Amino acid sequence: MQKNVLICKIVPQKGIHAELYTKATNENIAQHPLFFIIFAKIINRTMTEIKTEIYQDSAILVGLITPQQNEDKATEYLDELAFLAETAGATPVKRFLQRLDYPNPRTFVGQGKLEEIKTYIVDNEFEGMIIFDDELSPLQLKNIEKELKIKILDRTNLILDIFAKRAQTAYAKTQVALAQYQYLLPRLTRMWTHLERQRGGIGMRGPGETQIETDRRIILDRISKLKKDLMQIDKQQQTQRRNRGKMVRVALVGYTNVGKSTLMNVLSKADVFAENKLFATLDTTVRKVIIDNLPFLLSDTVGFIRKLPHHLIESFKSTLDEVREADLLVHIVDISHPNFEEQYEIVNKTLLEINKSEKPSILVFNKIDAFTYTPKETDDPSPLQRENYSLDDLKKTWMANLQGDCVFISALNKDNLNELKTLLYNKVKEIHITRFPYNDFLFQHYTDEELL
């Protein structure tokens, strides 16, 4: 039996280069109409097993200043985009900002700004990638690539790439694959423009079917299978959650990179992966925690982010089941971040979307170690700076009044953790006693005189 040999090479900045040779003639038949169907099926079958290779690459960042997004906010958003790019393995080398009332429907930025970017690419012989701080429509993506002739990514594509890199379990990989296919589906036209020819034949859907239609059908089938796989895994995880019994469940929620995993490690004495990068945690981690003889389950969940792609929200709904089924939420905020108020609102909005904004919660302002207290001179009229705030000062700010149960800590330095533990103990005990009223006496604090 004669065998064919498929050779695939992943080339930095150029994507996948594939060749298919027959054993008999050593002829490259990669242009054969059936090749792309075979190739797509092979890639689809092994997609969740392939580890994404991230190449260190230069990146140009592009954003907009709009009536809804002033220059300061646009700059902060590009800072976050730069952090995302670095997390993916790219090195931002240049930024472009343009003031527009709304994004150009054809090219996102105006034609003049596009020419400016093109001039920079030519003058600097730039061969990296350009990342736009928004999700580009298929038309925008096609037009920009045609004009600049360079690799183009949007914010959604970048986040999907990071998720693919971070996914470790089969569950997370399946969720990411589903989101990737849902993102890819409306963008098939730009990938297969060179194959937009009519063809038919044995085994095809029918005469006149185009390559794009065939590939769309393949991807739709793949999406359907991934959804079924997720449903099956969901059933298994629901069984696991039921097997945990009626223990009180506490979930850590918050913006990405606010210190959830660090706090998880401190409270549970576990070794959960924590890193100063976005989306260091994708897979939900559950640990048993005991405070003053009171046990409960603590979950570390995936972080939220501004403009989280809707494909990911849909794919990771099952991961957020830990949030849905939690009895108590611990909302962690990075108080050292210049835009922490917006991050706080983004998390609350996301919780509202999954109908869990009314759960009992504790608000934790983390990273107070950024506020190194140095007393001001009594005659100094200048406003307080970070170095002038003590813990007592922070407790008197408007932040402490956002909700009733609020605490300021440093998970890294373990500052003021006893106050958080006391608050956790009281909230968990309150829930525990309603569930197990006959256990109330186990968690009462008695004085020596009362015991006598």
Protein backbone atom coordinates (compact mmCIF):
# COMPACT_ATOMS: atom_id res chain seq x y z
CA MET A 1 0.00 0.00 0.00
CA GLN A 2 1.37 3.40 -0.97
CA LYS A 3 1.40 6.02 1.77
CA ASN A 4 1.36 9.76 1.63
CA VAL A 5 3.61 11.91 3.79
CA LEU A 6 2.33 15.13 5.36
CA ILE A 7 5.03 17.64 6.32
CA CYS A 8 3.99 20.61 8.47
CA LYS A 9 6.27 23.43 9.54
CA ILE A 10 5.30 26.26 11.90
CA VAL A 11 7.23 29.25 10.62
CA PRO A 12 7.48 32.38 12.83
CA GLN A 13 5.47 35.30 11.40
CA LYS A 14 4.32 33.17 8.42
CA GLY A 15 2.06 30.64 10.09
CA ILE A 16 1.75 26.98 9.02
CA HIS A 17 3.53 25.79 5.88
CA ALA A 18 2.33 22.37 4.76
CA GLU A 19 3.36 19.96 2.00
CA LEU A 20 1.87 16.58 1.09
CA TYR A 21 3.97 14.13 -0.91
CA THR A 22 3.02 10.79 -2.46
CA LYS A 23 5.41 7.95 -1.80
CA ALA A 24 5.36 6.79 -5.40
CA THR A 25 6.14 10.02 -7.26
CA ASN A 26 7.40 12.31 -4.47
CA GLU A 27 5.08 14.89 -5.99
CA ASN A 28 3.83 17.82 -3.89
CA ILE A 29 0.05 17.52 -4.06
CA ALA A 30 -0.69 20.29 -1.57
CA GLN A 31 -2.69 22.13 -4.20
CA HIS A 32 -5.07 19.22 -4.70
CA PRO A 33 -8.64 20.25 -3.73
CA LEU A 34 -8.95 17.38 -1.23
CA PHE A 35 -5.70 18.28 0.52
CA PHE A 36 -7.19 21.11 2.53
CA ILE A 37 -10.08 18.92 3.69
CA ILE A 38 -7.67 16.21 4.86
CA PHE A 39 -5.36 18.77 6.43
CA ALA A 40 -8.22 20.51 8.26
CA LYS A 41 -9.46 17.20 9.69
CA ILE A 42 -5.97 16.28 10.93
CA ILE A 43 -5.54 19.67 12.61
CA ASN A 44 -9.04 19.51 14.09
CA ARG A 45 -8.46 16.04 15.53
CA THR A 46 -5.21 16.99 17.24
CA MET A 47 -5.92 20.61 18.13
CA THR A 48 -6.43 20.08 21.84
CA GLU A 49 -3.20 18.07 22.02
CA ILE A 50 -0.96 20.55 20.25
CA LYS A 51 0.92 22.90 22.52
CA THR A 52 0.89 26.42 21.13
CA GLU A 53 4.34 27.77 20.41
CA ILE A 54 4.70 31.45 21.22
CA TYR A 55 7.53 33.18 19.42
CA GLN A 56 9.14 36.30 20.81
CA ASP A 57 7.92 38.90 18.34
CA SER A 58 7.82 42.66 18.02
CA ALA A 59 4.41 44.30 18.20
CA ILE A 60 2.85 47.62 17.26
CA LEU A 61 -0.16 48.59 19.38
CA VAL A 62 -3.07 50.60 17.95
CA GLY A 63 -5.91 52.23 19.89
CA LEU A 64 -8.53 54.96 19.62
CA ILE A 65 -9.46 58.09 21.57
CA THR A 66 -13.24 58.49 21.38
CA PRO A 67 -15.90 60.58 23.15
CA GLN A 68 -16.45 57.57 25.44
CA GLN A 69 -12.72 56.97 25.95
CA ASN A 70 -10.50 59.99 26.64
CA GLU A 71 -6.74 60.09 26.05
CA ASP A 72 -5.82 59.07 29.61
CA LYS A 73 -8.13 56.08 29.50
CA ALA A 74 -6.98 55.11 25.99
CA THR A 75 -3.38 55.20 27.21
CA GLU A 76 -4.26 53.00 30.20
CA TYR A 77 -5.99 50.55 27.87
CA LEU A 78 -2.89 50.38 25.67
CA ASP A 79 -0.84 49.71 28.82
CA GLU A 80 -3.10 46.73 29.49
CA LEU A 81 -2.82 45.64 25.85
CA ALA A 82 0.98 45.83 26.18
CA PHE A 83 0.78 43.59 29.26
CA LEU A 84 -1.38 41.14 27.29
CA ALA A 85 1.14 41.17 24.43
CA GLU A 86 4.02 40.51 26.82
CA THR A 87 2.07 37.68 28.42
CA ALA A 88 1.72 36.13 24.95
CA GLY A 89 5.46 36.49 24.34
CA ALA A 90 5.54 39.64 22.19
CA THR A 91 7.54 42.83 22.76
CA PRO A 92 5.65 46.11 22.13
CA VAL A 93 7.92 48.56 20.31
CA LYS A 94 5.55 51.28 19.06
CA ARG A 95 2.12 52.73 19.81
CA PHE A 96 -0.35 54.58 17.62
CA LEU A 97 -3.38 56.47 18.97
CA GLN A 98 -5.97 58.28 16.87
CA ARG A 99 -8.83 60.54 17.89
CA LEU A 100 -12.08 59.51 16.18
CA ASP A 101 -15.78 59.79 16.99
CA TYR A 102 -16.13 56.05 16.30
CA PRO A 103 -14.00 53.29 14.70
CA ASN A 104 -13.76 53.38 10.91
CA PRO A 105 -16.05 50.53 9.73
CA ARG A 106 -13.59 49.58 6.96
CA THR A 107 -10.15 49.94 8.55
CA PHE A 108 -10.78 50.71 12.29
CA VAL A 109 -8.46 53.76 12.09
CA GLY A 110 -8.64 56.47 9.42
CA GLN A 111 -6.85 56.19 6.08
CA GLY A 112 -4.28 58.80 7.11
CA LYS A 113 -3.34 56.90 10.28
CA LEU A 114 -3.17 53.67 8.29
CA GLU A 115 -0.68 55.34 5.92
CA GLU A 116 1.33 56.53 8.93
CA ILE A 117 1.52 52.96 10.25
CA LYS A 118 2.48 51.70 6.79
CA THR A 119 5.28 54.28 6.55
CA TYR A 120 6.63 53.18 9.94
CA ILE A 121 6.61 49.53 8.81
CA VAL A 122 8.54 50.33 5.62
CA ASP A 123 11.02 52.78 7.16
CA ASN A 124 11.88 50.44 10.04
CA GLU A 125 11.68 47.20 8.05
CA PHE A 126 9.23 46.00 10.67
CA GLU A 127 8.32 42.30 10.41
CA GLY A 128 6.40 41.68 13.62
CA MET A 129 2.68 42.03 14.23
CA ILE A 130 0.14 44.80 14.74
CA ILE A 131 -2.34 44.43 17.61
CA PHE A 132 -5.56 46.49 17.73
CA ASP A 133 -7.16 47.23 21.11
CA ASP A 134 -10.60 46.04 20.08
CA GLU A 135 -12.25 43.18 18.22
CA LEU A 136 -11.95 43.79 14.48
CA SER A 137 -14.76 42.79 12.17
CA PRO A 138 -13.90 40.30 9.38
CA LEU A 139 -14.10 43.19 6.87
CA GLN A 140 -11.75 45.40 8.91
CA LEU A 141 -9.29 42.54 9.33
CA LYS A 142 -9.30 41.77 5.62
CA ASN A 143 -8.87 45.42 4.58
CA ILE A 144 -6.06 46.14 7.07
CA GLU A 145 -4.11 43.01 6.08
CA LYS A 146 -4.53 43.88 2.42
CA GLU A 147 -3.22 47.41 3.03
CA LEU A 148 -0.35 46.68 5.43
CA LYS A 149 0.61 43.16 4.27
CA ILE A 150 1.66 42.11 7.77
CA LYS A 151 0.31 39.91 10.57
CA ILE A 152 -2.72 41.54 12.22
CA LEU A 153 -4.19 40.57 15.58
CA ASP A 154 -7.07 42.08 17.47
CA ARG A 155 -7.63 42.07 21.23
CA THR A 156 -9.86 39.00 21.06
CA ASN A 157 -7.38 36.97 19.02
CA LEU A 158 -4.61 37.91 21.44
CA ILE A 159 -6.60 36.84 24.51
CA LEU A 160 -7.56 33.57 22.80
CA ASP A 161 -3.88 32.94 22.11
CA ILE A 162 -3.00 33.50 25.78
CA PHE A 163 -5.81 31.20 26.88
CA ALA A 164 -4.55 28.50 24.48
CA LYS A 165 -1.07 28.85 25.94
CA ARG A 166 -2.29 28.74 29.55
CA ALA A 167 -4.80 25.89 29.24
CA GLN A 168 -3.50 22.78 31.01
CA THR A 169 -6.43 20.42 31.56
CA ALA A 170 -8.54 18.78 28.87
CA TYR A 171 -11.50 20.83 30.13
CA ALA A 172 -9.74 24.18 29.69
CA LYS A 173 -8.32 23.14 26.30
CA THR A 174 -11.79 22.15 25.09
CA GLN A 175 -13.24 25.48 26.23
CA VAL A 176 -10.47 27.41 24.47
CA ALA A 177 -10.83 25.36 21.28
CA LEU A 178 -14.57 26.10 21.20
CA ALA A 179 -13.93 29.83 21.59
CA GLN A 180 -11.27 29.73 18.85
CA TYR A 181 -13.58 28.02 16.37
CA GLN A 182 -16.41 30.44 17.14
CA TYR A 183 -14.02 33.33 16.51
CA LEU A 184 -12.69 31.72 13.32
CA LEU A 185 -16.04 30.91 11.70
CA PRO A 186 -17.00 34.40 10.40
CA ARG A 187 -13.40 35.05 9.32
CA LEU A 188 -13.03 32.14 6.91
CA THR A 189 -13.33 34.35 3.84
CA ARG A 190 -9.96 36.02 4.37
CA MET A 191 -8.25 32.64 4.95
CA TRP A 192 -9.47 30.91 1.82
CA THR A 193 -9.70 33.65 -0.81
CA HIS A 194 -7.21 31.74 -2.99
CA LEU A 195 -9.54 28.74 -3.02
CA GLU A 196 -12.79 30.46 -3.94
CA ARG A 197 -13.34 28.23 -6.96
CA GLN A 198 -16.26 25.99 -7.80
CA ARG A 199 -15.80 22.28 -7.44
CA GLY A 200 -17.78 19.15 -6.92
CA GLY A 201 -17.17 15.43 -6.94
CA ILE A 202 -17.57 12.18 -5.06
CA GLY A 203 -18.01 12.59 -1.34
CA MET A 204 -18.82 16.28 -1.58
CA ARG A 205 -22.07 17.89 -0.46
CA GLY A 206 -22.95 18.56 -4.05
CA PRO A 207 -21.81 20.23 -7.26
CA GLY A 208 -21.05 23.91 -6.92
CA GLU A 209 -19.94 23.80 -3.28
CA THR A 210 -17.10 26.21 -2.60
CA GLN A 211 -14.09 25.49 -0.40
CA ILE A 212 -15.28 28.10 2.10
CA GLU A 213 -18.65 26.40 2.46
CA THR A 214 -16.97 23.05 3.03
CA ASP A 215 -14.66 24.44 5.69
CA ARG A 216 -17.54 26.26 7.36
CA ARG A 217 -19.38 22.96 7.57
CA ILE A 218 -16.30 21.26 9.07
CA ILE A 219 -15.94 23.98 11.71
CA LEU A 220 -19.65 23.90 12.55
CA ASP A 221 -19.38 20.14 13.06
CA ARG A 222 -16.34 20.68 15.25
CA ILE A 223 -18.15 23.34 17.33
CA SER A 224 -21.07 20.96 17.80
CA LYS A 225 -18.74 18.17 18.97
CA LEU A 226 -16.87 20.47 21.37
CA LYS A 227 -20.16 21.64 22.91
CA LYS A 228 -21.17 18.00 23.44
CA ASP A 229 -17.76 17.29 25.01
CA LEU A 230 -18.21 20.24 27.37
CA MET A 231 -21.68 19.07 28.33
CA GLN A 232 -20.25 15.66 29.21
CA ILE A 233 -17.43 17.18 31.28
CA ASP A 234 -19.98 19.48 32.96
CA LYS A 235 -21.97 16.44 34.08
CA GLN A 236 -18.82 14.90 35.56
CA GLN A 237 -17.96 18.12 37.37
CA GLN A 238 -21.50 18.47 38.71
CA THR A 239 -21.10 14.99 40.16
CA GLN A 240 -17.80 16.04 41.74
CA ARG A 241 -19.43 19.13 43.23
CA ARG A 242 -22.26 17.02 44.66
CA ASN A 243 -19.71 14.67 46.17
CA ARG A 244 -18.22 17.57 48.11
CA GLY A 245 -21.29 17.38 50.30
CA LYS A 246 -22.87 20.42 51.88
CA MET A 247 -19.68 22.19 52.87
CA VAL A 248 -19.84 25.97 52.52
CA ARG A 249 -18.28 27.10 49.23
CA VAL A 250 -16.33 30.33 48.93
CA ALA A 251 -15.15 31.62 45.53
CA LEU A 252 -12.39 34.15 44.88
CA VAL A 253 -13.39 36.52 42.07
CA GLY A 254 -11.79 39.61 40.60
CA TYR A 255 -10.04 41.23 37.68
CA THR A 256 -7.11 39.32 36.22
CA ASN A 257 -3.76 39.70 38.01
CA VAL A 258 -5.17 41.13 41.26
CA GLY A 259 -3.63 38.43 43.47
CA LYS A 260 -6.36 35.77 43.73
CA SER A 261 -3.96 32.83 43.44
CA THR A 262 -1.54 34.41 45.92
CA LEU A 263 -4.35 34.78 48.46
CA MET A 264 -5.46 31.22 47.70
CA ASN A 265 -1.98 29.97 48.57
CA VAL A 266 -1.89 31.94 51.82
CA LEU A 267 -5.32 30.82 53.04
CA SER A 268 -5.11 27.17 51.98
CA LYS A 269 -1.34 26.66 52.36
CA ALA A 270 -1.50 25.14 48.88
CA ASP A 271 0.84 25.54 45.93
CA VAL A 272 -1.43 27.17 43.35
CA PHE A 273 0.38 28.67 40.35
CA ALA A 274 0.68 32.44 40.82
CA GLU A 275 2.53 34.76 38.47
CA ASN A 276 2.63 38.46 37.62
CA LYS A 277 0.99 37.85 34.25
CA LEU A 278 -2.55 38.08 32.97
CA PHE A 279 -4.64 34.90 33.10
CA ALA A 280 -2.08 32.90 35.11
CA THR A 281 -5.10 30.86 36.28
CA LEU A 282 -7.46 29.23 33.77
CA ASP A 283 -8.48 26.04 35.52
CA THR A 284 -10.57 26.38 38.65
CA THR A 285 -8.69 25.19 41.74
CA VAL A 286 -10.63 24.05 44.82
CA ARG A 287 -9.00 23.60 48.23
CA LYS A 288 -10.33 22.78 51.69
CA VAL A 289 -9.59 25.57 54.17
CA ILE A 290 -10.00 25.45 57.96
CA ILE A 291 -10.17 28.60 60.10
CA ASP A 292 -10.59 28.07 63.85
CA ASN A 293 -11.84 24.51 63.34
CA LEU A 294 -14.43 25.69 60.78
CA PRO A 295 -13.95 23.98 57.37
CA PHE A 296 -15.06 25.33 53.99
CA LEU A 297 -14.15 24.96 50.30
CA LEU A 298 -12.23 27.79 48.61
CA SER A 299 -12.20 28.17 44.79
CA ASP A 300 -9.72 30.18 42.71
CA THR A 301 -11.41 31.17 39.43
CA VAL A 302 -10.32 32.65 36.10
CA GLY A 303 -9.91 36.44 36.22
CA PHE A 304 -12.19 38.87 34.41
CA ILE A 305 -10.93 41.54 32.03
CA ARG A 306 -12.23 44.55 30.11
CA LYS A 307 -13.81 43.58 26.79
CA LEU A 308 -13.65 39.87 27.59
CA PRO A 309 -14.46 38.21 24.23
CA HIS A 310 -18.02 36.97 24.17
CA HIS A 311 -16.75 33.67 22.71
CA LEU A 312 -14.81 33.14 25.92
CA ILE A 313 -17.70 34.18 28.16
CA GLU A 314 -19.84 31.58 26.39
CA SER A 315 -17.16 28.88 26.48
CA PHE A 316 -16.20 29.49 30.12
CA LYS A 317 -19.75 29.65 31.50
CA SER A 318 -19.21 26.18 32.95
CA THR A 319 -16.00 27.31 34.67
CA LEU A 320 -18.03 30.10 36.24
CA ASP A 321 -20.29 27.45 37.74
CA GLU A 322 -17.95 27.59 40.73
CA VAL A 323 -19.05 31.22 41.10
CA ARG A 324 -22.71 30.37 40.52
CA GLU A 325 -22.73 27.61 43.12
CA ALA A 326 -20.63 29.45 45.70
CA ASP A 327 -22.30 30.45 48.96
CA LEU A 328 -19.95 33.41 49.48
CA LEU A 329 -17.90 35.52 47.06
CA VAL A 330 -14.60 37.17 47.96
CA HIS A 331 -14.17 40.04 45.48
CA ILE A 332 -10.48 40.98 45.29
CA VAL A 333 -9.42 44.40 43.98
CA ASP A 334 -5.86 45.53 43.23
CA ILE A 335 -5.83 48.85 45.07
CA SER A 336 -2.41 49.71 43.62
CA HIS A 337 -3.75 49.76 40.05
CA PRO A 338 -4.40 53.29 38.73
CA ASN A 339 -7.72 52.19 37.24
CA PHE A 340 -8.96 49.88 40.00
CA GLU A 341 -12.39 51.56 40.17
CA GLU A 342 -13.18 50.50 36.60
CA GLN A 343 -11.85 47.00 37.25
CA TYR A 344 -14.18 46.78 40.25
CA GLU A 345 -17.15 47.80 38.07
CA ILE A 346 -16.20 45.35 35.28
CA VAL A 347 -16.22 42.42 37.70
CA ASN A 348 -19.57 43.51 39.17
CA LYS A 349 -21.02 43.82 35.67
CA THR A 350 -19.81 40.33 34.75
CA LEU A 351 -21.30 38.91 37.95
CA LEU A 352 -24.57 40.62 37.03
CA GLU A 353 -24.46 38.91 33.61
CA ILE A 354 -24.30 35.49 35.24
CA ASN A 355 -27.00 36.50 37.74
CA LYS A 356 -24.78 36.22 40.80
CA SER A 357 -24.37 39.85 41.84
CA GLU A 358 -26.70 39.40 44.85
CA LYS A 359 -24.65 36.72 46.59
CA PRO A 360 -23.17 37.49 50.03
CA SER A 361 -19.70 38.90 49.45
CA ILE A 362 -16.58 40.29 51.07
CA LEU A 363 -14.70 43.12 49.34
CA VAL A 364 -10.92 42.72 49.67
CA PHE A 365 -8.57 45.53 48.64
CA ASN A 366 -5.27 43.76 48.00
CA LYS A 367 -1.69 45.01 47.51
CA ILE A 368 -1.70 47.65 50.25
CA ASP A 369 2.06 47.07 50.36
CA ALA A 370 2.14 49.64 47.53
CA PHE A 371 1.18 52.19 50.21
CA THR A 372 4.33 52.49 52.32
CA TYR A 373 3.37 54.80 55.16
CA THR A 374 5.56 57.85 55.69
CA PRO A 375 4.00 60.56 57.92
CA LYS A 376 3.64 64.03 56.38
CA GLU A 377 4.93 67.16 57.99
CA THR A 378 2.14 68.88 59.93
CA ASP A 379 2.53 72.10 57.91
CA ASP A 380 2.59 70.33 54.51
CA PRO A 381 -0.57 71.47 52.61
CA SER A 382 -0.11 69.06 49.66
CA PRO A 383 -2.59 66.19 49.14
CA LEU A 384 -1.83 62.75 50.56
CA GLN A 385 0.26 60.54 48.29
CA ARG A 386 0.57 56.74 48.34
CA GLU A 387 3.48 56.87 50.74
CA ASN A 388 1.38 58.91 53.19
CA TYR A 389 -1.50 56.42 53.66
CA SER A 390 -1.47 54.12 56.67
CA LEU A 391 -3.85 51.18 57.08
CA ASP A 392 -6.04 53.28 59.38
CA ASP A 393 -6.11 56.04 56.75
CA LEU A 394 -7.23 53.56 54.08
CA LYS A 395 -10.07 52.39 56.32
CA LYS A 396 -11.37 55.98 56.43
CA THR A 397 -11.48 56.43 52.64
CA TRP A 398 -14.56 56.19 50.42
CA MET A 399 -13.40 52.73 49.32
CA ALA A 400 -14.11 51.30 52.77
CA ASN A 401 -17.76 52.35 52.37
CA LEU A 402 -18.41 50.57 49.07
CA GLN A 403 -20.02 47.73 50.99
CA GLY A 404 -20.42 46.59 54.58
CA ASP A 405 -17.85 43.80 54.65
CA CYS A 406 -14.60 45.35 53.45
CA VAL A 407 -10.97 44.69 54.37
CA PHE A 408 -7.54 45.97 53.24
CA ILE A 409 -4.70 43.42 52.97
CA SER A 410 -1.44 42.48 51.29
CA ALA A 411 -1.60 38.79 50.33
CA LEU A 412 2.06 38.88 49.29
CA ASN A 413 3.33 40.30 52.59
CA LYS A 414 0.51 38.74 54.65
CA ASP A 415 -0.45 42.15 56.06
CA ASN A 416 -3.77 42.37 57.95
CA LEU A 417 -4.70 38.77 57.08
CA ASN A 418 -6.10 38.14 60.57
CA GLU A 419 -8.86 40.68 59.95
CA LEU A 420 -9.76 38.91 56.69
CA LYS A 421 -9.72 35.50 58.39
CA THR A 422 -12.01 36.78 61.15
CA LEU A 423 -14.41 38.20 58.58
CA LEU A 424 -14.32 34.95 56.57
CA TYR A 425 -14.91 32.91 59.72
CA ASN A 426 -17.97 34.95 60.72
CA LYS A 427 -19.53 34.89 57.23
CA VAL A 428 -18.88 31.17 56.69
CA LYS A 429 -20.14 30.31 60.17
CA GLU A 430 -23.36 32.24 59.53
CA ILE A 431 -24.00 30.18 56.38
CA HIS A 432 -22.85 26.94 58.05
CA ILE A 433 -25.21 27.31 61.01
CA THR A 434 -28.23 27.84 58.75
CA ARG A 435 -27.27 24.61 56.98
CA PHE A 436 -26.34 22.62 60.10
CA PRO A 437 -28.16 24.25 63.06
CA TYR A 438 -27.31 21.32 65.36
CA ASN A 439 -23.58 22.12 64.95
CA ASP A 440 -23.90 25.61 66.37
CA PHE A 441 -22.30 24.71 69.69
CA LEU A 442 -19.14 23.47 67.93
CA PHE A 443 -18.23 26.95 66.77
CA GLN A 444 -19.16 29.03 69.78
CA HIS A 445 -16.49 31.06 71.56
CA TYR A 446 -16.75 30.56 75.32
CA THR A 447 -14.80 32.19 78.13
CA ASP A 448 -13.17 30.04 80.80
CA GLU A 449 -15.79 31.17 83.32
CA GLU A 450 -18.64 30.12 81.00
CA LEU A 451 -17.10 26.68 80.53
CA LEU A 452 -16.88 26.23 84.32
